[in-house]
Amino acid sequence: MPEITKPAIGESVTFTVKSGRENTTGKWPEYHFATTDGRTIAAPKAATDRQLEKPLKLTLAQLVGETITIERVPQDGDSTKSWWNFAIATPADA
């Protein structure tokens, strides 16, 4: 089983999505994204759903083949909490 990576607060990761699936085994549901370079990146389901709806306006299936950047930005006033931001990137960014 591949190692699953979740970006830490203040980090970002850029990758090309090979596949995405929902994982409900933990306390909070997540999406696990398999990347074209063999990594697995995790992000919370609720945050991912919000980012898919706006600003990306894509479905999980439509992300396959796209290069995306996921970043965790610290919240103002509480650096132990973060916002999850998704953006379409270029393959050269990965």
PDB file of N, CA and C in Angstrom:
ATOM      1  N   MET A   1       0.849  -1.180   0.000  1.00  0.00           N
ATOM      2  CA  MET A   1       0.000   0.000   0.000  1.00  0.00           C
ATOM      3  C   MET A   1       0.894   1.243   0.000  1.00  0.00           C
ATOM      4  N   PRO A   2       0.628   2.199  -0.872  1.00  0.00           N
ATOM      5  CA  PRO A   2       1.475   3.392  -0.937  1.00  0.00           C
ATOM      6  C   PRO A   2       1.300   4.261   0.302  1.00  0.00           C
ATOM      7  N   GLU A   3       2.344   5.010   0.602  1.00  0.00           N
ATOM      8  CA  GLU A   3       2.278   5.956   1.711  1.00  0.00           C
ATOM      9  C   GLU A   3       1.353   7.102   1.325  1.00  0.00           C
ATOM     10  N   ILE A   4       0.496   7.496   2.258  1.00  0.00           N
ATOM     11  CA  ILE A   4      -0.460   8.573   2.012  1.00  0.00           C
ATOM     12  C   ILE A   4       0.084   9.847   2.639  1.00  0.00           C
ATOM     13  N   THR A   5       0.163  10.907   1.836  1.00  0.00           N
ATOM     14  CA  THR A   5       0.703  12.184   2.274  1.00  0.00           C
ATOM     15  C   THR A   5      -0.408  13.210   2.366  1.00  0.00           C
ATOM     16  N   LYS A   6      -0.447  13.942   3.473  1.00  0.00           N
ATOM     17  CA  LYS A   6      -1.367  15.063   3.626  1.00  0.00           C
ATOM     18  C   LYS A   6      -0.504  16.303   3.857  1.00  0.00           C
ATOM     19  N   PRO A   7      -0.646  17.330   3.013  1.00  0.00           N
ATOM     20  CA  PRO A   7       0.173  18.530   3.215  1.00  0.00           C
ATOM     21  C   PRO A   7      -0.030  19.114   4.612  1.00  0.00           C
ATOM     22  N   ALA A   8       1.064  19.564   5.213  1.00  0.00           N
ATOM     23  CA  ALA A   8       1.009  20.228   6.519  1.00  0.00           C
ATOM     24  C   ALA A   8       0.587  21.683   6.310  1.00  0.00           C
ATOM     25  N   ILE A   9       0.171  22.316   7.376  1.00  0.00           N
ATOM     26  CA  ILE A   9      -0.199  23.730   7.309  1.00  0.00           C
ATOM     27  C   ILE A   9       1.009  24.527   6.824  1.00  0.00           C
ATOM     28  N   GLY A  10       0.794  25.363   5.815  1.00  0.00           N
ATOM     29  CA  GLY A  10       1.864  26.155   5.221  1.00  0.00           C
ATOM     30  C   GLY A  10       2.526  25.483   4.023  1.00  0.00           C
ATOM     31  N   GLU A  11       2.152  24.252   3.715  1.00  0.00           N
ATOM     32  CA  GLU A  11       2.740  23.539   2.590  1.00  0.00           C
ATOM     33  C   GLU A  11       1.777  23.494   1.408  1.00  0.00           C
ATOM     34  N   SER A  12       2.360  23.247   0.243  1.00  0.00           N
ATOM     35  CA  SER A  12       1.546  23.000  -0.950  1.00  0.00           C
ATOM     36  C   SER A  12       2.169  21.840  -1.714  1.00  0.00           C
ATOM     37  N   VAL A  13       1.364  21.209  -2.543  1.00  0.00           N
ATOM     38  CA  VAL A  13       1.827  20.091  -3.356  1.00  0.00           C
ATOM     39  C   VAL A  13       1.157  20.203  -4.726  1.00  0.00           C
ATOM     40  N   THR A  14       1.949  19.979  -5.767  1.00  0.00           N
ATOM     41  CA  THR A  14       1.435  20.022  -7.132  1.00  0.00           C
ATOM     42  C   THR A  14       1.648  18.659  -7.761  1.00  0.00           C
ATOM     43  N   PHE A  15       0.616  18.141  -8.412  1.00  0.00           N
ATOM     44  CA  PHE A  15       0.697  16.803  -8.984  1.00  0.00           C
ATOM     45  C   PHE A  15      -0.355  16.641 -10.077  1.00  0.00           C
ATOM     46  N   THR A  16      -0.144  15.628 -10.916  1.00  0.00           N
ATOM     47  CA  THR A  16      -1.124  15.262 -11.930  1.00  0.00           C
ATOM     48  C   THR A  16      -1.956  14.107 -11.387  1.00  0.00           C
ATOM     49  N   VAL A  17      -3.266  14.264 -11.444  1.00  0.00           N
ATOM     50  CA  VAL A  17      -4.193  13.296 -10.857  1.00  0.00           C
ATOM     51  C   VAL A  17      -4.340  12.081 -11.785  1.00  0.00           C
ATOM     52  N   LYS A  18      -4.022  10.915 -11.250  1.00  0.00           N
ATOM     53  CA  LYS A  18      -4.223   9.655 -11.979  1.00  0.00           C
ATOM     54  C   LYS A  18      -5.615   9.105 -11.678  1.00  0.00           C
ATOM     55  N   SER A  19      -6.021   9.215 -10.393  1.00  0.00           N
ATOM     56  CA  SER A  19      -7.364   8.799  -9.984  1.00  0.00           C
ATOM     57  C   SER A  19      -7.662   9.426  -8.631  1.00  0.00           C
ATOM     58  N   GLY A  20      -8.928   9.425  -8.271  1.00  0.00           N
ATOM     59  CA  GLY A  20      -9.350   9.932  -6.976  1.00  0.00           C
ATOM     60  C   GLY A  20     -10.458   9.059  -6.429  1.00  0.00           C
ATOM     61  N   ARG A  21     -10.416   8.855  -5.117  1.00  0.00           N
ATOM     62  CA  ARG A  21     -11.474   8.043  -4.505  1.00  0.00           C
ATOM     63  C   ARG A  21     -11.739   8.550  -3.094  1.00  0.00           C
ATOM     64  N   GLU A  22     -12.954   8.318  -2.639  1.00  0.00           N
ATOM     65  CA  GLU A  22     -13.329   8.694  -1.281  1.00  0.00           C
ATOM     66  C   GLU A  22     -12.910   7.583  -0.322  1.00  0.00           C
ATOM     67  N   ASN A  23     -12.357   7.984   0.817  1.00  0.00           N
ATOM     68  CA  ASN A  23     -11.965   7.038   1.859  1.00  0.00           C
ATOM     69  C   ASN A  23     -12.718   7.433   3.126  1.00  0.00           C
ATOM     70  N   THR A  24     -13.521   6.527   3.655  1.00  0.00           N
ATOM     71  CA  THR A  24     -14.335   6.826   4.832  1.00  0.00           C
ATOM     72  C   THR A  24     -13.907   6.026   6.057  1.00  0.00           C
ATOM     73  N   THR A  25     -12.688   5.487   6.074  1.00  0.00           N
ATOM     74  CA  THR A  25     -12.273   4.626   7.180  1.00  0.00           C
ATOM     75  C   THR A  25     -11.898   5.389   8.443  1.00  0.00           C
ATOM     76  N   GLY A  26     -11.517   6.639   8.363  1.00  0.00           N
ATOM     77  CA  GLY A  26     -11.113   7.401   9.541  1.00  0.00           C
ATOM     78  C   GLY A  26     -12.288   8.140  10.160  1.00  0.00           C
ATOM     79  N   LYS A  27     -11.967   8.995  11.123  1.00  0.00           N
ATOM     80  CA  LYS A  27     -12.995   9.795  11.791  1.00  0.00           C
ATOM     81  C   LYS A  27     -13.643  10.776  10.811  1.00  0.00           C
ATOM     82  N   TRP A  28     -12.821  11.371   9.928  1.00  0.00           N
ATOM     83  CA  TRP A  28     -13.315  12.338   8.959  1.00  0.00           C
ATOM     84  C   TRP A  28     -13.058  11.791   7.560  1.00  0.00           C
ATOM     85  N   PRO A  29     -14.065  11.769   6.687  1.00  0.00           N
ATOM     86  CA  PRO A  29     -13.865  11.270   5.326  1.00  0.00           C
ATOM     87  C   PRO A  29     -12.836  12.109   4.570  1.00  0.00           C
ATOM     88  N   GLU A  30     -12.076  11.444   3.716  1.00  0.00           N
ATOM     89  CA  GLU A  30     -11.052  12.103   2.910  1.00  0.00           C
ATOM     90  C   GLU A  30     -11.177  11.628   1.468  1.00  0.00           C
ATOM     91  N   TYR A  31     -10.555  12.388   0.577  1.00  0.00           N
ATOM     92  CA  TYR A  31     -10.306  11.918  -0.768  1.00  0.00           C
ATOM     93  C   TYR A  31      -8.838  11.554  -0.840  1.00  0.00           C
ATOM     94  N   HIS A  32      -8.548  10.439  -1.494  1.00  0.00           N
ATOM     95  CA  HIS A  32      -7.173  10.035  -1.752  1.00  0.00           C
ATOM     96  C   HIS A  32      -6.948  10.154  -3.255  1.00  0.00           C
ATOM     97  N   PHE A  33      -5.951  10.953  -3.613  1.00  0.00           N
ATOM     98  CA  PHE A  33      -5.615  11.173  -5.010  1.00  0.00           C
ATOM     99  C   PHE A  33      -4.355  10.393  -5.342  1.00  0.00           C
ATOM    100  N   ALA A  34      -4.457   9.459  -6.287  1.00  0.00           N
ATOM    101  CA  ALA A  34      -3.276   8.772  -6.807  1.00  0.00           C
ATOM    102  C   ALA A  34      -2.669   9.700  -7.851  1.00  0.00           C
ATOM    103  N   THR A  35      -1.352   9.864  -7.791  1.00  0.00           N
ATOM    104  CA  THR A  35      -0.670  10.761  -8.717  1.00  0.00           C
ATOM    105  C   THR A  35       0.028   9.947  -9.804  1.00  0.00           C
ATOM    106  N   THR A  36       0.364  10.612 -10.891  1.00  0.00           N
ATOM    107  CA  THR A  36       1.048   9.920 -11.985  1.00  0.00           C
ATOM    108  C   THR A  36       2.476   9.541 -11.621  1.00  0.00           C
ATOM    109  N   ASP A  37       3.030  10.130 -10.544  1.00  0.00           N
ATOM    110  CA  ASP A  37       4.391   9.767 -10.132  1.00  0.00           C
ATOM    111  C   ASP A  37       4.397   8.760  -8.974  1.00  0.00           C
ATOM    112  N   GLY A  38       3.231   8.170  -8.664  1.00  0.00           N
ATOM    113  CA  GLY A  38       3.170   7.090  -7.689  1.00  0.00           C
ATOM    114  C   GLY A  38       2.820   7.475  -6.263  1.00  0.00           C
ATOM    115  N   ARG A  39       2.682   8.757  -5.976  1.00  0.00           N
ATOM    116  CA  ARG A  39       2.311   9.181  -4.621  1.00  0.00           C
ATOM    117  C   ARG A  39       0.800   9.087  -4.432  1.00  0.00           C
ATOM    118  N   THR A  40       0.371   9.128  -3.170  1.00  0.00           N
ATOM    119  CA  THR A  40      -1.044   9.257  -2.829  1.00  0.00           C
ATOM    120  C   THR A  40      -1.173  10.466  -1.922  1.00  0.00           C
ATOM    121  N   ILE A  41      -1.991  11.427  -2.319  1.00  0.00           N
ATOM    122  CA  ILE A  41      -2.192  12.667  -1.584  1.00  0.00           C
ATOM    123  C   ILE A  41      -3.600  12.649  -1.002  1.00  0.00           C
ATOM    124  N   ALA A  42      -3.720  12.999   0.294  1.00  0.00           N
ATOM    125  CA  ALA A  42      -5.020  13.012   0.975  1.00  0.00           C
ATOM    126  C   ALA A  42      -5.450  14.450   1.258  1.00  0.00           C
ATOM    127  N   ALA A  43      -6.747  14.672   1.175  1.00  0.00           N
ATOM    128  CA  ALA A  43      -7.345  15.959   1.515  1.00  0.00           C
ATOM    129  C   ALA A  43      -8.737  15.693   2.082  1.00  0.00           C
ATOM    130  N   PRO A  44      -9.191  16.515   3.028  1.00  0.00           N
ATOM    131  CA  PRO A  44     -10.509  16.305   3.620  1.00  0.00           C
ATOM    132  C   PRO A  44     -11.627  16.378   2.574  1.00  0.00           C
ATOM    133  N   LYS A  45     -12.605  15.496   2.713  1.00  0.00           N
ATOM    134  CA  LYS A  45     -13.712  15.439   1.762  1.00  0.00           C
ATOM    135  C   LYS A  45     -14.487  16.753   1.707  1.00  0.00           C
ATOM    136  N   ALA A  46     -14.831  17.313   2.852  1.00  0.00           N
ATOM    137  CA  ALA A  46     -15.644  18.535   2.865  1.00  0.00           C
ATOM    138  C   ALA A  46     -14.915  19.691   2.177  1.00  0.00           C
ATOM    139  N   ALA A  47     -13.637  19.858   2.474  1.00  0.00           N
ATOM    140  CA  ALA A  47     -12.863  20.937   1.855  1.00  0.00           C
ATOM    141  C   ALA A  47     -12.704  20.690   0.360  1.00  0.00           C
ATOM    142  N   THR A  48     -12.466  19.452  -0.017  1.00  0.00           N
ATOM    143  CA  THR A  48     -12.309  19.116  -1.435  1.00  0.00           C
ATOM    144  C   THR A  48     -13.612  19.354  -2.190  1.00  0.00           C
ATOM    145  N   ASP A  49     -14.728  18.939  -1.612  1.00  0.00           N
ATOM    146  CA  ASP A  49     -16.022  19.162  -2.264  1.00  0.00           C
ATOM    147  C   ASP A  49     -16.271  20.652  -2.499  1.00  0.00           C
ATOM    148  N   ARG A  50     -15.935  21.487  -1.500  1.00  0.00           N
ATOM    149  CA  ARG A  50     -16.116  22.938  -1.668  1.00  0.00           C
ATOM    150  C   ARG A  50     -15.240  23.463  -2.801  1.00  0.00           C
ATOM    151  N   GLN A  51     -13.994  22.996  -2.873  1.00  0.00           N
ATOM    152  CA  GLN A  51     -13.081  23.472  -3.908  1.00  0.00           C
ATOM    153  C   GLN A  51     -13.473  22.959  -5.299  1.00  0.00           C
ATOM    154  N   LEU A  52     -14.019  21.750  -5.367  1.00  0.00           N
ATOM    155  CA  LEU A  52     -14.482  21.229  -6.648  1.00  0.00           C
ATOM    156  C   LEU A  52     -15.668  22.039  -7.160  1.00  0.00           C
ATOM    157  N   GLU A  53     -16.566  22.391  -6.239  1.00  0.00           N
ATOM    158  CA  GLU A  53     -17.748  23.173  -6.623  1.00  0.00           C
ATOM    159  C   GLU A  53     -17.349  24.581  -7.049  1.00  0.00           C
ATOM    160  N   LYS A  54     -16.560  25.248  -6.222  1.00  0.00           N
ATOM    161  CA  LYS A  54     -16.030  26.580  -6.494  1.00  0.00           C
ATOM    162  C   LYS A  54     -14.643  26.582  -5.899  1.00  0.00           C
ATOM    163  N   PRO A  55     -13.646  26.959  -6.476  1.00  0.00           N
ATOM    164  CA  PRO A  55     -13.503  27.679  -7.739  1.00  0.00           C
ATOM    165  C   PRO A  55     -13.275  26.790  -8.953  1.00  0.00           C
ATOM    166  N   LEU A  56     -13.011  25.481  -8.763  1.00  0.00           N
ATOM    167  CA  LEU A  56     -12.637  24.633  -9.901  1.00  0.00           C
ATOM    168  C   LEU A  56     -13.788  24.337 -10.842  1.00  0.00           C
ATOM    169  N   LYS A  57     -14.993  24.179 -10.302  1.00  0.00           N
ATOM    170  CA  LYS A  57     -16.176  23.845 -11.101  1.00  0.00           C
ATOM    171  C   LYS A  57     -15.951  22.561 -11.891  1.00  0.00           C
ATOM    172  N   LEU A  58     -15.422  21.545 -11.189  1.00  0.00           N
ATOM    173  CA  LEU A  58     -15.157  20.235 -11.774  1.00  0.00           C
ATOM    174  C   LEU A  58     -15.698  19.155 -10.848  1.00  0.00           C
ATOM    175  N   THR A  59     -15.910  17.972 -11.408  1.00  0.00           N
ATOM    176  CA  THR A  59     -16.239  16.811 -10.586  1.00  0.00           C
ATOM    177  C   THR A  59     -14.953  16.069 -10.269  1.00  0.00           C
ATOM    178  N   LEU A  60     -15.030  15.133  -9.351  1.00  0.00           N
ATOM    179  CA  LEU A  60     -13.859  14.317  -9.023  1.00  0.00           C
ATOM    180  C   LEU A  60     -13.369  13.584 -10.271  1.00  0.00           C
ATOM    181  N   ALA A  61     -14.289  13.051 -11.064  1.00  0.00           N
ATOM    182  CA  ALA A  61     -13.907  12.336 -12.286  1.00  0.00           C
ATOM    183  C   ALA A  61     -13.223  13.257 -13.296  1.00  0.00           C
ATOM    184  N   GLN A  62     -13.646  14.515 -13.355  1.00  0.00           N
ATOM    185  CA  GLN A  62     -13.049  15.456 -14.295  1.00  0.00           C
ATOM    186  C   GLN A  62     -11.634  15.873 -13.895  1.00  0.00           C
ATOM    187  N   LEU A  63     -11.253  15.650 -12.636  1.00  0.00           N
ATOM    188  CA  LEU A  63      -9.893  15.982 -12.199  1.00  0.00           C
ATOM    189  C   LEU A  63      -8.847  15.026 -12.766  1.00  0.00           C
ATOM    190  N   VAL A  64      -9.259  13.829 -13.138  1.00  0.00           N
ATOM    191  CA  VAL A  64      -8.309  12.842 -13.664  1.00  0.00           C
ATOM    192  C   VAL A  64      -7.632  13.416 -14.907  1.00  0.00           C
ATOM    193  N   GLY A  65      -6.299  13.401 -14.891  1.00  0.00           N
ATOM    194  CA  GLY A  65      -5.511  13.949 -15.993  1.00  0.00           C
ATOM    195  C   GLY A  65      -5.127  15.405 -15.798  1.00  0.00           C
ATOM    196  N   GLU A  66      -5.781  16.089 -14.858  1.00  0.00           N
ATOM    197  CA  GLU A  66      -5.459  17.493 -14.586  1.00  0.00           C
ATOM    198  C   GLU A  66      -4.269  17.575 -13.631  1.00  0.00           C
ATOM    199  N   THR A  67      -3.472  18.609 -13.786  1.00  0.00           N
ATOM    200  CA  THR A  67      -2.411  18.917 -12.829  1.00  0.00           C
ATOM    201  C   THR A  67      -2.970  19.972 -11.895  1.00  0.00           C
ATOM    202  N   ILE A  68      -2.922  19.671 -10.590  1.00  0.00           N
ATOM    203  CA  ILE A  68      -3.496  20.591  -9.603  1.00  0.00           C
ATOM    204  C   ILE A  68      -2.478  20.904  -8.509  1.00  0.00           C
ATOM    205  N   THR A  69      -2.713  22.024  -7.860  1.00  0.00           N
ATOM    206  CA  THR A  69      -1.961  22.401  -6.670  1.00  0.00           C
ATOM    207  C   THR A  69      -2.933  22.440  -5.507  1.00  0.00           C
ATOM    208  N   ILE A  70      -2.562  21.770  -4.427  1.00  0.00           N
ATOM    209  CA  ILE A  70      -3.323  21.831  -3.186  1.00  0.00           C
ATOM    210  C   ILE A  70      -2.436  22.521  -2.168  1.00  0.00           C
ATOM    211  N   GLU A  71      -2.966  23.548  -1.523  1.00  0.00           N
ATOM    212  CA  GLU A  71      -2.195  24.222  -0.478  1.00  0.00           C
ATOM    213  C   GLU A  71      -3.028  24.368   0.777  1.00  0.00           C
ATOM    214  N   ARG A  72      -2.333  24.341   1.917  1.00  0.00           N
ATOM    215  CA  ARG A  72      -2.984  24.577   3.212  1.00  0.00           C
ATOM    216  C   ARG A  72      -2.466  25.899   3.754  1.00  0.00           C
ATOM    217  N   VAL A  73      -3.367  26.851   3.826  1.00  0.00           N
ATOM    218  CA  VAL A  73      -3.023  28.198   4.265  1.00  0.00           C
ATOM    219  C   VAL A  73      -3.477  28.377   5.707  1.00  0.00           C
ATOM    220  N   PRO A  74      -2.584  28.828   6.617  1.00  0.00           N
ATOM    221  CA  PRO A  74      -2.994  29.020   8.010  1.00  0.00           C
ATOM    222  C   PRO A  74      -4.109  30.069   8.114  1.00  0.00           C
ATOM    223  N   GLN A  75      -5.045  29.816   9.005  1.00  0.00           N
ATOM    224  CA  GLN A  75      -6.126  30.779   9.241  1.00  0.00           C
ATOM    225  C   GLN A  75      -5.581  31.948  10.060  1.00  0.00           C
ATOM    226  N   ASP A  76      -6.086  33.149   9.763  1.00  0.00           N
ATOM    227  CA  ASP A  76      -5.730  34.318  10.566  1.00  0.00           C
ATOM    228  C   ASP A  76      -6.220  34.109  11.986  1.00  0.00           C
ATOM    229  N   GLY A  77      -5.364  34.373  12.947  1.00  0.00           N
ATOM    230  CA  GLY A  77      -5.753  34.291  14.341  1.00  0.00           C
ATOM    231  C   GLY A  77      -5.578  32.926  14.982  1.00  0.00           C
ATOM    232  N   ASP A  78      -5.449  31.869  14.177  1.00  0.00           N
ATOM    233  CA  ASP A  78      -5.240  30.530  14.735  1.00  0.00           C
ATOM    234  C   ASP A  78      -4.425  29.708  13.741  1.00  0.00           C
ATOM    235  N   SER A  79      -3.128  29.723  13.921  1.00  0.00           N
ATOM    236  CA  SER A  79      -2.236  29.060  12.965  1.00  0.00           C
ATOM    237  C   SER A  79      -2.286  27.537  13.065  1.00  0.00           C
ATOM    238  N   THR A  80      -3.076  26.998  14.003  1.00  0.00           N
ATOM    239  CA  THR A  80      -3.228  25.544  14.082  1.00  0.00           C
ATOM    240  C   THR A  80      -4.360  25.047  13.192  1.00  0.00           C
ATOM    241  N   LYS A  81      -5.090  25.975  12.579  1.00  0.00           N
ATOM    242  CA  LYS A  81      -6.173  25.638  11.662  1.00  0.00           C
ATOM    243  C   LYS A  81      -5.820  26.187  10.282  1.00  0.00           C
ATOM    244  N   SER A  82      -6.398  25.573   9.263  1.00  0.00           N
ATOM    245  CA  SER A  82      -6.020  26.002   7.920  1.00  0.00           C
ATOM    246  C   SER A  82      -7.201  25.979   6.958  1.00  0.00           C
ATOM    247  N   TRP A  83      -6.994  26.680   5.846  1.00  0.00           N
ATOM    248  CA  TRP A  83      -7.893  26.646   4.704  1.00  0.00           C
ATOM    249  C   TRP A  83      -7.226  25.765   3.654  1.00  0.00           C
ATOM    250  N   TRP A  84      -8.014  24.979   2.959  1.00  0.00           N
ATOM    251  CA  TRP A  84      -7.520  24.146   1.856  1.00  0.00           C
ATOM    252  C   TRP A  84      -7.870  24.851   0.555  1.00  0.00           C
ATOM    253  N   ASN A  85      -6.874  25.122  -0.270  1.00  0.00           N
ATOM    254  CA  ASN A  85      -7.082  25.771  -1.562  1.00  0.00           C
ATOM    255  C   ASN A  85      -6.606  24.856  -2.679  1.00  0.00           C
ATOM    256  N   PHE A  86      -7.413  24.735  -3.720  1.00  0.00           N
ATOM    257  CA  PHE A  86      -7.079  23.932  -4.897  1.00  0.00           C
ATOM    258  C   PHE A  86      -7.017  24.856  -6.100  1.00  0.00           C
ATOM    259  N   ALA A  87      -6.080  24.595  -6.992  1.00  0.00           N
ATOM    260  CA  ALA A  87      -5.980  25.370  -8.228  1.00  0.00           C
ATOM    261  C   ALA A  87      -5.462  24.475  -9.347  1.00  0.00           C
ATOM    262  N   ILE A  88      -5.883  24.754 -10.559  1.00  0.00           N
ATOM    263  CA  ILE A  88      -5.356  24.054 -11.713  1.00  0.00           C
ATOM    264  C   ILE A  88      -3.955  24.623 -11.980  1.00  0.00           C
ATOM    265  N   ALA A  89      -3.001  23.727 -12.225  1.00  0.00           N
ATOM    266  CA  ALA A  89      -1.618  24.119 -12.478  1.00  0.00           C
ATOM    267  C   ALA A  89      -1.213  23.605 -13.860  1.00  0.00           C
ATOM    268  N   THR A  90       0.030  23.860 -14.229  1.00  0.00           N
ATOM    269  CA  THR A  90       0.544  23.312 -15.487  1.00  0.00           C
ATOM    270  C   THR A  90       1.362  22.073 -15.179  1.00  0.00           C
ATOM    271  N   PRO A  91       1.449  21.144 -16.095  1.00  0.00           N
ATOM    272  CA  PRO A  91       2.260  19.941 -15.864  1.00  0.00           C
ATOM    273  C   PRO A  91       3.702  20.275 -15.478  1.00  0.00           C
ATOM    274  N   ALA A  92       4.246  21.366 -15.960  1.00  0.00           N
ATOM    275  CA  ALA A  92       5.618  21.754 -15.615  1.00  0.00           C
ATOM    276  C   ALA A  92       5.748  22.104 -14.137  1.00  0.00           C
ATOM    277  N   ASP A  93       4.653  22.495 -13.481  1.00  0.00           N
ATOM    278  CA  ASP A  93       4.681  22.832 -12.048  1.00  0.00           C
ATOM    279  C   ASP A  93       4.802  21.604 -11.170  1.00  0.00           C
ATOM    280  N   ALA A  94       4.439  20.437 -11.676  1.00  0.00           N
ATOM    281  CA  ALA A  94       4.384  19.226 -10.858  1.00  0.00           C
ATOM    282  C   ALA A  94       5.761  18.748 -10.433  1.00  0.00           C
TER     283      ALA A  94
END
